[in-house]
Amino acid sequence: MLVEIAIDRISPITSLLDEVFYQSSMDDMRCAYVDHVKRFNSWIILSDYYFGDDKTNKVITFAALPYLGGLPQLQSIIRALAPRDIKHTRSIDGRFIEFIRQLPALNISFIFEQDKYFAWTSSAEFQVHMVEFCEILSDYVAFWRRDTLNPTRLDILSRNIRHAQELLRQKKKIRVLCEAFVISLLGGYVGSILCRETALTDLCWLSDRDRTNELGNNFVRDLFQVTLIDIVKRNISFSFTTANSNSEEWYADLIRIPDFITGAIAGFDFDNPGNSTAKPAALSLIGVYLANNKSDCFNYRFHINDEGMKVQRMMITCKPPSATLDDVSAAR
């Protein structure tokens, strides 16, 4: 099923993602997952990231699931089956893999090549993109002020925009700014999929503790929400529980779900599976859960070259191990 691609977006990246998702993925996503949960209106998005340099890929994973209550019980089960993050795990309890298979969760991972600056060829290219994005977003804020009943909220957004512009002017914290932008944009996009495909009216984003949460006054929250609203053109009830790089989040056990998927994919070489740097625990998750999974795990890789940006849906297949591509591309 094709969807009309919007051109009135603050970021053209979300339009590119629409092309990829609605041409390569939504039939699978609806049939295996969405059609079974679309009646639920309260949702949670969990997120985890790997931005290091010692694995094959940088990865951002979002795990979405309807809020059915019982979070303490869910956390207790996860804590018993997977007490540590995947980087501190030598082997994975098979019961945990079966547990996440049974969860009504939709896992979406975005993959970035190590020799690129996330979705750009260089820091300089990202800075040009971000300067333009801030200018466009400022114009949107001015337009929204005409009819707003909550100018205080827009004042906070404006201050965060100015904070980003000042960082760009001084060329400070550019890497963190890029990470925050990509996380928020992609998280907001995943939220928009839920908005468009389910009865969602309430959304809570639980992010892994990360330094990106320390930018401005919840800068990542603002960009997540702006991206979501920009796509779906309506407001929803949105809450955000953040944890900075030094905090201990109360929901740490829940984050284990995207953490395990992120860690496994970070070490997997889609072009040369035999050269993957994934550790034994990650390889077991890949072989038993991620491989050939077209029901609740969807992976997308950003590929950047001189011709522009394209995003590919990636499948991990077994016998023999390889990566197959459903490729839809668009130039910037």
Protein backbone atom coordinates (compact mmCIF):
# COMPACT_ATOMS: atom_id res chain seq x y z
CA MET A 1 0.00 0.00 0.00
CA LEU A 2 1.39 3.40 -0.99
CA VAL A 3 0.90 6.57 0.98
CA GLU A 4 0.84 10.09 -0.35
CA ILE A 5 4.24 11.55 0.48
CA ALA A 6 4.00 14.89 2.23
CA ILE A 7 6.15 17.78 1.07
CA ASP A 8 5.11 20.18 3.84
CA ARG A 9 7.47 18.75 6.43
CA ILE A 10 9.97 20.59 8.59
CA SER A 11 12.51 17.84 7.89
CA PRO A 12 12.69 16.12 4.48
CA ILE A 13 14.10 13.04 6.23
CA THR A 14 10.64 12.12 7.50
CA SER A 15 9.30 12.21 3.94
CA LEU A 16 12.09 9.88 2.87
CA LEU A 17 11.23 7.54 5.73
CA ASP A 18 7.60 7.51 4.61
CA GLU A 19 8.68 6.29 1.19
CA VAL A 20 10.70 3.46 2.71
CA PHE A 21 8.20 2.42 5.38
CA TYR A 22 5.08 2.53 3.23
CA GLN A 23 6.67 0.87 0.21
CA SER A 24 8.80 -1.79 1.89
CA SER A 25 7.38 -2.47 5.34
CA MET A 26 3.85 -1.48 6.22
CA ASP A 27 2.15 -4.52 4.73
CA ASP A 28 4.33 -6.78 6.88
CA MET A 29 3.97 -4.51 9.91
CA ARG A 30 0.19 -4.34 9.67
CA CYS A 31 -0.35 -8.02 9.04
CA ALA A 32 1.98 -9.31 11.76
CA TYR A 33 1.60 -6.62 14.39
CA VAL A 34 -0.48 -3.47 13.94
CA ASP A 35 -3.77 -5.15 13.07
CA HIS A 36 -3.67 -6.96 16.42
CA VAL A 37 -3.05 -3.88 18.60
CA LYS A 38 -4.49 -0.94 16.70
CA ARG A 39 -7.42 -0.54 19.08
CA PHE A 40 -5.18 0.53 21.99
CA ASN A 41 -4.91 4.28 22.63
CA SER A 42 -2.16 4.44 25.29
CA TRP A 43 1.38 3.57 24.21
CA ILE A 44 4.94 3.52 25.53
CA ILE A 45 8.11 3.94 23.49
CA LEU A 46 11.37 2.65 24.99
CA SER A 47 14.67 3.62 23.39
CA ASP A 48 18.32 2.65 23.54
CA TYR A 49 21.37 3.67 21.53
CA TYR A 50 24.89 2.58 20.63
CA PHE A 51 27.10 5.45 19.44
CA GLY A 52 30.54 3.94 20.09
CA ASP A 53 33.24 3.30 17.49
CA ASP A 54 34.33 -0.26 18.31
CA LYS A 55 31.44 -2.10 16.65
CA THR A 56 30.27 -2.38 13.06
CA ASN A 57 27.33 0.02 13.28
CA LYS A 58 25.87 2.85 15.27
CA VAL A 59 22.30 1.93 16.19
CA ILE A 60 19.16 3.54 17.60
CA THR A 61 16.34 1.21 18.64
CA PHE A 62 12.79 2.08 19.62
CA ALA A 63 10.53 -0.53 21.20
CA ALA A 64 6.84 0.43 21.16
CA LEU A 65 4.15 -1.39 23.08
CA PRO A 66 0.61 -0.60 24.18
CA TYR A 67 0.29 0.40 27.81
CA LEU A 68 -1.61 -2.43 29.48
CA GLY A 69 -0.67 -1.62 33.08
CA GLY A 70 1.42 -3.88 35.27
CA LEU A 71 4.77 -2.17 34.62
CA PRO A 72 6.24 -3.28 37.99
CA GLN A 73 5.41 -6.90 37.18
CA LEU A 74 6.88 -6.53 33.69
CA GLN A 75 10.06 -5.07 35.14
CA SER A 76 10.34 -7.90 37.66
CA ILE A 77 10.14 -10.52 34.93
CA ILE A 78 12.76 -8.77 32.81
CA ARG A 79 15.04 -8.32 35.85
CA ALA A 80 14.84 -12.03 36.60
CA LEU A 81 15.51 -13.15 33.03
CA ALA A 82 17.96 -10.44 31.93
CA PRO A 83 19.49 -8.78 35.01
CA ARG A 84 22.24 -6.95 33.07
CA ASP A 85 22.65 -5.01 29.83
CA ILE A 86 23.79 -7.07 26.86
CA LYS A 87 27.34 -5.66 27.02
CA HIS A 88 27.67 -7.25 30.47
CA THR A 89 25.97 -10.53 29.48
CA ARG A 90 27.91 -13.63 28.43
CA SER A 91 24.89 -15.71 27.52
CA ILE A 92 21.20 -14.94 27.13
CA ASP A 93 18.55 -16.91 29.00
CA GLY A 94 16.41 -18.59 26.37
CA ARG A 95 13.36 -17.73 28.44
CA PHE A 96 14.09 -14.04 27.91
CA ILE A 97 14.14 -14.46 24.14
CA GLU A 98 10.85 -16.32 24.29
CA PHE A 99 9.47 -13.63 26.58
CA ILE A 100 10.23 -10.76 24.20
CA ARG A 101 8.85 -12.85 21.36
CA GLN A 102 5.54 -13.05 23.22
CA LEU A 103 5.45 -9.36 24.18
CA PRO A 104 3.14 -7.14 22.09
CA ALA A 105 6.14 -4.99 21.18
CA LEU A 106 7.18 -3.44 17.87
CA ASN A 107 10.95 -2.99 17.59
CA ILE A 108 12.33 -0.54 15.04
CA SER A 109 16.09 -0.05 14.66
CA PHE A 110 17.94 2.58 12.66
CA ILE A 111 21.49 1.75 11.60
CA PHE A 112 24.30 4.14 10.66
CA GLU A 113 27.62 3.42 9.00
CA GLN A 114 30.69 4.01 11.14
CA ASP A 115 32.56 5.98 8.47
CA LYS A 116 29.79 8.59 8.20
CA TYR A 117 28.47 11.30 10.51
CA PHE A 118 25.15 9.56 11.17
CA ALA A 119 22.90 10.67 8.28
CA TRP A 120 25.50 13.05 6.83
CA THR A 121 28.94 12.72 5.29
CA SER A 122 30.59 15.02 7.81
CA SER A 123 30.09 17.25 10.83
CA ALA A 124 30.16 20.29 8.55
CA GLU A 125 27.32 18.89 6.42
CA PHE A 126 25.24 18.20 9.52
CA GLN A 127 25.82 21.74 10.78
CA VAL A 128 24.53 23.20 7.51
CA HIS A 129 21.45 20.98 7.77
CA MET A 130 20.87 21.90 11.42
CA VAL A 131 21.19 25.65 10.79
CA GLU A 132 18.52 25.40 8.11
CA PHE A 133 16.33 23.19 10.31
CA CYS A 134 16.45 25.71 13.18
CA GLU A 135 15.53 28.57 10.83
CA ILE A 136 12.54 26.64 9.45
CA LEU A 137 11.42 25.56 12.90
CA SER A 138 11.62 29.17 14.14
CA ASP A 139 9.28 30.19 11.32
CA TYR A 140 6.87 27.43 12.34
CA VAL A 141 6.93 28.59 15.95
CA ALA A 142 6.06 32.13 14.84
CA PHE A 143 3.13 30.73 12.87
CA TRP A 144 1.94 28.57 15.78
CA ARG A 145 1.92 31.57 18.10
CA ARG A 146 -0.98 33.09 16.17
CA ASP A 147 -3.46 30.54 17.51
CA THR A 148 -1.80 29.08 20.59
CA LEU A 149 -3.43 28.91 23.98
CA ASN A 150 -0.14 27.93 25.58
CA PRO A 151 2.54 30.53 24.73
CA THR A 152 4.71 29.31 27.62
CA ARG A 153 5.26 25.99 25.87
CA LEU A 154 6.33 27.78 22.69
CA ASP A 155 8.63 30.04 24.72
CA ILE A 156 10.47 26.95 25.96
CA LEU A 157 10.73 25.60 22.42
CA SER A 158 12.07 28.96 21.20
CA ARG A 159 14.73 28.98 23.90
CA ASN A 160 15.80 25.48 22.92
CA ILE A 161 16.07 26.54 19.29
CA ARG A 162 18.22 29.50 20.27
CA HIS A 163 20.34 27.20 22.45
CA ALA A 164 20.96 24.93 19.45
CA GLN A 165 21.76 27.92 17.23
CA GLU A 166 24.27 29.20 19.78
CA LEU A 167 25.98 25.81 19.93
CA LEU A 168 26.18 25.84 16.15
CA ARG A 169 27.56 29.37 16.11
CA GLN A 170 30.22 28.51 18.67
CA LYS A 171 30.79 25.05 17.18
CA LYS A 172 30.35 23.46 20.59
CA LYS A 173 28.82 20.07 21.42
CA ILE A 174 28.13 19.44 17.75
CA ARG A 175 28.36 15.67 18.12
CA VAL A 176 25.90 15.63 21.03
CA LEU A 177 23.60 18.00 19.14
CA CYS A 178 23.65 15.64 16.16
CA GLU A 179 22.90 12.62 18.35
CA ALA A 180 20.02 14.48 20.02
CA PHE A 181 18.60 15.57 16.67
CA VAL A 182 18.72 12.10 15.14
CA ILE A 183 17.25 10.38 18.22
CA SER A 184 14.40 12.89 18.48
CA LEU A 185 13.62 12.95 14.77
CA LEU A 186 13.52 9.18 14.46
CA GLY A 187 11.64 8.73 17.74
CA GLY A 188 9.05 11.25 16.66
CA TYR A 189 8.76 9.43 13.35
CA VAL A 190 8.14 6.08 15.10
CA GLY A 191 5.53 7.85 17.23
CA SER A 192 3.88 9.10 14.05
CA ILE A 193 3.59 5.54 12.74
CA LEU A 194 1.69 4.62 15.88
CA CYS A 195 -0.52 7.71 15.52
CA ARG A 196 -1.37 6.90 11.93
CA GLU A 197 -1.82 3.15 12.32
CA THR A 198 -3.47 2.80 15.76
CA ALA A 199 -6.00 4.59 17.98
CA LEU A 200 -3.18 6.31 19.89
CA THR A 201 -4.12 9.36 21.95
CA ASP A 202 -1.55 9.07 24.80
CA LEU A 203 2.16 8.44 24.36
CA CYS A 204 4.99 8.17 26.90
CA TRP A 205 8.64 8.09 25.78
CA LEU A 206 11.08 6.40 28.16
CA SER A 207 14.62 7.06 26.96
CA ASP A 208 17.77 5.33 28.10
CA ARG A 209 20.03 7.53 30.21
CA ASP A 210 22.12 9.53 27.79
CA ARG A 211 24.01 12.79 27.52
CA THR A 212 21.66 13.96 24.77
CA ASN A 213 19.02 14.45 27.47
CA GLU A 214 21.18 17.17 29.00
CA LEU A 215 20.91 19.60 26.07
CA GLY A 216 18.91 22.74 26.80
CA ASN A 217 15.57 22.35 28.57
CA ASN A 218 14.52 18.89 27.40
CA PHE A 219 15.62 19.72 23.85
CA VAL A 220 15.15 16.09 22.76
CA ARG A 221 11.58 16.07 24.07
CA ASP A 222 10.75 19.17 22.05
CA LEU A 223 12.17 17.81 18.80
CA PHE A 224 10.45 14.44 19.30
CA GLN A 225 7.09 16.13 19.82
CA VAL A 226 7.59 18.64 17.00
CA THR A 227 8.44 15.84 14.57
CA LEU A 228 5.40 13.81 15.57
CA ILE A 229 2.98 16.75 15.31
CA ASP A 230 4.56 17.92 12.06
CA ILE A 231 3.75 14.56 10.47
CA VAL A 232 0.32 13.74 11.89
CA LYS A 233 -0.93 17.36 12.07
CA ARG A 234 -2.64 16.90 15.42
CA ASN A 235 -1.81 17.08 19.10
CA ILE A 236 -1.72 14.08 21.41
CA SER A 237 -1.11 13.69 25.12
CA PHE A 238 2.68 13.29 25.31
CA SER A 239 4.89 12.64 28.34
CA PHE A 240 8.63 12.21 28.55
CA THR A 241 10.66 10.67 31.34
CA THR A 242 14.30 11.48 30.87
CA ALA A 243 17.46 10.20 32.46
CA ASN A 244 20.76 11.99 32.00
CA SER A 245 24.15 10.34 31.70
CA ASN A 246 24.61 10.18 35.48
CA SER A 247 21.15 9.17 36.65
CA GLU A 248 19.54 5.82 37.43
CA GLU A 249 16.19 5.61 35.70
CA TRP A 250 13.36 3.81 37.49
CA TYR A 251 12.48 2.01 34.27
CA ALA A 252 15.99 0.63 33.59
CA ASP A 253 14.73 -2.96 33.37
CA LEU A 254 12.27 -2.04 30.62
CA ILE A 255 15.10 -0.56 28.57
CA ARG A 256 16.66 -4.02 28.48
CA ILE A 257 14.37 -4.81 25.53
CA PRO A 258 15.80 -2.23 23.09
CA ASP A 259 19.24 -2.59 24.73
CA PHE A 260 19.59 -6.24 23.71
CA ILE A 261 18.41 -5.54 20.16
CA THR A 262 20.69 -2.51 19.81
CA GLY A 263 23.71 -4.43 21.09
CA ALA A 264 23.12 -7.33 18.73
CA ILE A 265 22.62 -5.22 15.62
CA ALA A 266 25.56 -2.93 16.45
CA GLY A 267 27.94 -5.85 15.98
CA PHE A 268 26.28 -7.38 12.91
CA ASP A 269 27.86 -6.74 9.50
CA PHE A 270 25.01 -6.68 6.99
CA ASP A 271 27.39 -6.59 4.03
CA ASN A 272 29.73 -9.33 5.27
CA PRO A 273 27.99 -11.34 8.01
CA GLY A 274 31.08 -13.49 8.48
CA ASN A 275 32.98 -10.41 9.65
CA SER A 276 30.46 -9.45 12.33
CA THR A 277 31.89 -8.27 15.64
CA ALA A 278 28.86 -9.42 17.65
CA LYS A 279 29.71 -11.32 20.83
CA PRO A 280 28.28 -14.80 21.58
CA ALA A 281 25.30 -13.44 23.54
CA ALA A 282 24.41 -11.11 20.68
CA LEU A 283 24.88 -13.86 18.10
CA SER A 284 22.42 -16.07 19.96
CA LEU A 285 19.82 -13.29 19.92
CA ILE A 286 20.43 -12.75 16.21
CA GLY A 287 20.11 -16.44 15.38
CA VAL A 288 17.08 -17.23 17.53
CA TYR A 289 15.10 -13.98 17.43
CA LEU A 290 16.25 -11.36 14.90
CA ALA A 291 16.99 -13.63 11.94
CA ASN A 292 14.10 -13.92 9.49
CA ASN A 293 11.94 -11.81 11.80
CA LYS A 294 9.36 -9.96 9.72
CA SER A 295 6.75 -9.67 12.44
CA ASP A 296 8.00 -7.40 15.22
CA CYS A 297 11.57 -6.34 14.30
CA PHE A 298 12.18 -3.87 11.49
CA ASN A 299 15.66 -2.58 10.65
CA TYR A 300 16.59 0.41 8.48
CA ARG A 301 20.07 1.50 7.44
CA PHE A 302 21.05 4.98 6.36
CA HIS A 303 23.47 4.98 3.45
CA ILE A 304 25.20 8.25 2.58
CA ASN A 305 27.36 9.07 -0.43
CA ASP A 306 28.03 11.95 -2.81
CA GLU A 307 24.71 11.29 -4.55
CA GLY A 308 22.73 11.85 -1.38
CA MET A 309 20.92 9.89 1.29
CA LYS A 310 18.98 6.68 1.02
CA VAL A 311 17.41 4.41 3.60
CA GLN A 312 17.18 0.66 3.17
CA ARG A 313 15.12 -1.89 5.02
CA MET A 314 17.52 -4.58 6.20
CA MET A 315 16.68 -8.23 6.86
CA ILE A 316 18.95 -10.66 8.68
CA THR A 317 18.52 -14.05 7.04
CA CYS A 318 19.94 -17.47 7.89
CA LYS A 319 21.19 -20.46 5.88
CA PRO A 320 23.42 -18.98 4.63
CA PRO A 321 23.63 -15.82 6.76
CA SER A 322 23.29 -12.70 4.67
CA ALA A 323 21.53 -9.39 4.47
CA THR A 324 18.79 -8.82 1.95
CA LEU A 325 17.55 -5.38 1.04
CA ASP A 326 14.21 -3.85 0.22
CA ASP A 327 15.69 -0.68 -1.18
CA VAL A 328 13.86 2.61 -1.63
CA SER A 329 15.99 5.70 -2.04
CA ALA A 330 15.60 9.44 -2.50
CA ALA A 331 18.15 12.18 -2.91
CA ARG A 332 18.38 14.97 -0.39
